[in-house]
Each structure stands twice: as structure tokens, then as C-alpha cells.
Amino acid sequence: MRNKLVKASIWAKSQFAENSIPDRKTIKKWIERGKIKGLVDGDGALWVYENEIFGVDRNISNEVSKLMEASA
């Protein structure tokens, strides 16, 4: 199972209530600081891994990803 990148706006809609979706600038900071796994491409577009869960400790998230890949 390989993690796919999705547009940050789509990822944010899946993680937050409609009235609490963070703005683009905030998501970009989170990616750059390593708070969430994703990337900012050469055109400035924001991408986040679809299995990224906001608010879950990075170590736990990494271990869950490894377990999911091992079970595939």
C-alpha cells in the first residue's frame, strides 16, 4: 500500500469541520515545519499524504503507516 498525495484543500476538508478548516498559509507552515507530511511543489501547490491524520503524534502515525504497508 503506497501513500498518495492529495491536494491540501481536499485533505483539510476530510480532517476538519466546515467552519474550522485552516487556511492555505497555515497548512503550508505545517508542511514546512513537519507537523504534517506533505510537500509544496515548484509551483507553490500544497499536497498532503491522504493517510495523514491531524492531531496524531508523528511517531504513532509513522508506526500505523508501517503496519498498514506490512499487512498489504
C-alpha atoms as a PDB file:
ATOM      1  CA  MET A   1       0.000   0.000   0.000  1.00  0.00           C
ATOM      2  CA  ARG A   2       1.541   3.252  -1.086  1.00  0.00           C
ATOM      3  CA  ASN A   3       0.514   6.570   0.390  1.00  0.00           C
ATOM      4  CA  LYS A   4      -0.820   9.017  -2.178  1.00  0.00           C
ATOM      5  CA  LEU A   5      -0.597  12.780  -2.158  1.00  0.00           C
ATOM      6  CA  VAL A   6      -3.827  14.743  -2.374  1.00  0.00           C
ATOM      7  CA  LYS A   7      -4.456  18.453  -2.678  1.00  0.00           C
ATOM      8  CA  ALA A   8      -4.184  20.077   0.722  1.00  0.00           C
ATOM      9  CA  SER A   9      -7.656  21.595   0.387  1.00  0.00           C
ATOM     10  CA  ILE A  10      -9.201  18.140  -0.089  1.00  0.00           C
ATOM     11  CA  TRP A  11      -7.203  16.722   2.835  1.00  0.00           C
ATOM     12  CA  ALA A  12      -8.255  19.619   5.091  1.00  0.00           C
ATOM     13  CA  LYS A  13     -11.944  19.084   4.296  1.00  0.00           C
ATOM     14  CA  SER A  14     -11.587  15.464   5.431  1.00  0.00           C
ATOM     15  CA  GLN A  15      -9.900  16.420   8.714  1.00  0.00           C
ATOM     16  CA  PHE A  16     -11.766  19.485   9.945  1.00  0.00           C
ATOM     17  CA  ALA A  17     -15.335  20.664  10.404  1.00  0.00           C
ATOM     18  CA  GLU A  18     -16.512  23.033   7.687  1.00  0.00           C
ATOM     19  CA  ASN A  19     -16.215  26.113   9.899  1.00  0.00           C
ATOM     20  CA  SER A  20     -12.725  25.240  11.204  1.00  0.00           C
ATOM     21  CA  ILE A  21     -10.737  24.382   8.053  1.00  0.00           C
ATOM     22  CA  PRO A  22      -7.309  26.029   8.312  1.00  0.00           C
ATOM     23  CA  ASP A  23      -6.278  28.457   5.597  1.00  0.00           C
ATOM     24  CA  ARG A  24      -3.686  27.701   2.945  1.00  0.00           C
ATOM     25  CA  LYS A  25      -0.959  29.673   4.730  1.00  0.00           C
ATOM     26  CA  THR A  26      -1.396  27.612   7.912  1.00  0.00           C
ATOM     27  CA  ILE A  27      -1.275  24.294   6.047  1.00  0.00           C
ATOM     28  CA  LYS A  28       1.865  25.434   4.234  1.00  0.00           C
ATOM     29  CA  LYS A  29       3.544  26.237   7.583  1.00  0.00           C
ATOM     30  CA  TRP A  30       2.546  22.827   8.951  1.00  0.00           C
ATOM     31  CA  ILE A  31       4.115  21.087   5.941  1.00  0.00           C
ATOM     32  CA  GLU A  32       7.298  23.156   6.099  1.00  0.00           C
ATOM     33  CA  ARG A  33       7.677  22.593   9.867  1.00  0.00           C
ATOM     34  CA  GLY A  34       6.972  18.872   9.595  1.00  0.00           C
ATOM     35  CA  LYS A  35       3.766  18.990  11.618  1.00  0.00           C
ATOM     36  CA  ILE A  36       2.033  17.114   8.787  1.00  0.00           C
ATOM     37  CA  LYS A  37       3.544  15.038   5.992  1.00  0.00           C
ATOM     38  CA  GLY A  38       3.233  16.669   2.615  1.00  0.00           C
ATOM     39  CA  LEU A  39       5.017  18.888   0.152  1.00  0.00           C
ATOM     40  CA  VAL A  40       4.972  22.257  -1.505  1.00  0.00           C
ATOM     41  CA  ASP A  41       5.727  21.731  -5.195  1.00  0.00           C
ATOM     42  CA  GLY A  42       7.688  24.012  -7.505  1.00  0.00           C
ATOM     43  CA  ASP A  43       4.522  25.883  -8.477  1.00  0.00           C
ATOM     44  CA  GLY A  44       3.608  26.502  -4.832  1.00  0.00           C
ATOM     45  CA  ALA A  45       0.778  23.954  -4.782  1.00  0.00           C
ATOM     46  CA  LEU A  46       0.240  22.204  -1.439  1.00  0.00           C
ATOM     47  CA  TRP A  47      -0.043  18.431  -1.175  1.00  0.00           C
ATOM     48  CA  VAL A  48      -0.657  16.238   1.889  1.00  0.00           C
ATOM     49  CA  TYR A  49      -0.468  12.455   2.184  1.00  0.00           C
ATOM     50  CA  GLU A  50      -4.011  11.100   2.190  1.00  0.00           C
ATOM     51  CA  ASN A  51      -3.430   8.953   5.296  1.00  0.00           C
ATOM     52  CA  GLU A  52      -2.165  11.894   7.359  1.00  0.00           C
ATOM     53  CA  ILE A  53      -4.349  12.425  10.422  1.00  0.00           C
ATOM     54  CA  PHE A  54      -4.154  15.831  12.040  1.00  0.00           C
ATOM     55  CA  GLY A  55      -3.504  15.813  15.775  1.00  0.00           C
ATOM     56  CA  VAL A  56      -1.999  12.315  15.929  1.00  0.00           C
ATOM     57  CA  ASP A  57       1.585  12.164  17.186  1.00  0.00           C
ATOM     58  CA  ARG A  58       4.006  11.734  14.274  1.00  0.00           C
ATOM     59  CA  ASN A  59       5.595   8.601  15.802  1.00  0.00           C
ATOM     60  CA  ILE A  60       2.217   6.925  16.129  1.00  0.00           C
ATOM     61  CA  SER A  61       1.243   7.951  12.608  1.00  0.00           C
ATOM     62  CA  ASN A  62       4.509   6.537  11.231  1.00  0.00           C
ATOM     63  CA  GLU A  63       4.045   3.219  13.049  1.00  0.00           C
ATOM     64  CA  VAL A  64       0.449   2.889  11.836  1.00  0.00           C
ATOM     65  CA  SER A  65       1.622   3.539   8.258  1.00  0.00           C
ATOM     66  CA  LYS A  66       4.270   0.824   8.597  1.00  0.00           C
ATOM     67  CA  LEU A  67       1.721  -1.662   9.926  1.00  0.00           C
ATOM     68  CA  MET A  68      -0.672  -0.878   7.093  1.00  0.00           C
ATOM     69  CA  GLU A  69       2.051  -1.361   4.493  1.00  0.00           C
ATOM     70  CA  ALA A  70       3.152  -4.650   6.072  1.00  0.00           C
ATOM     71  CA  SER A  71      -0.402  -6.019   6.021  1.00  0.00           C
ATOM     72  CA  ALA A  72      -0.960  -5.253   2.337  1.00  0.00           C
END
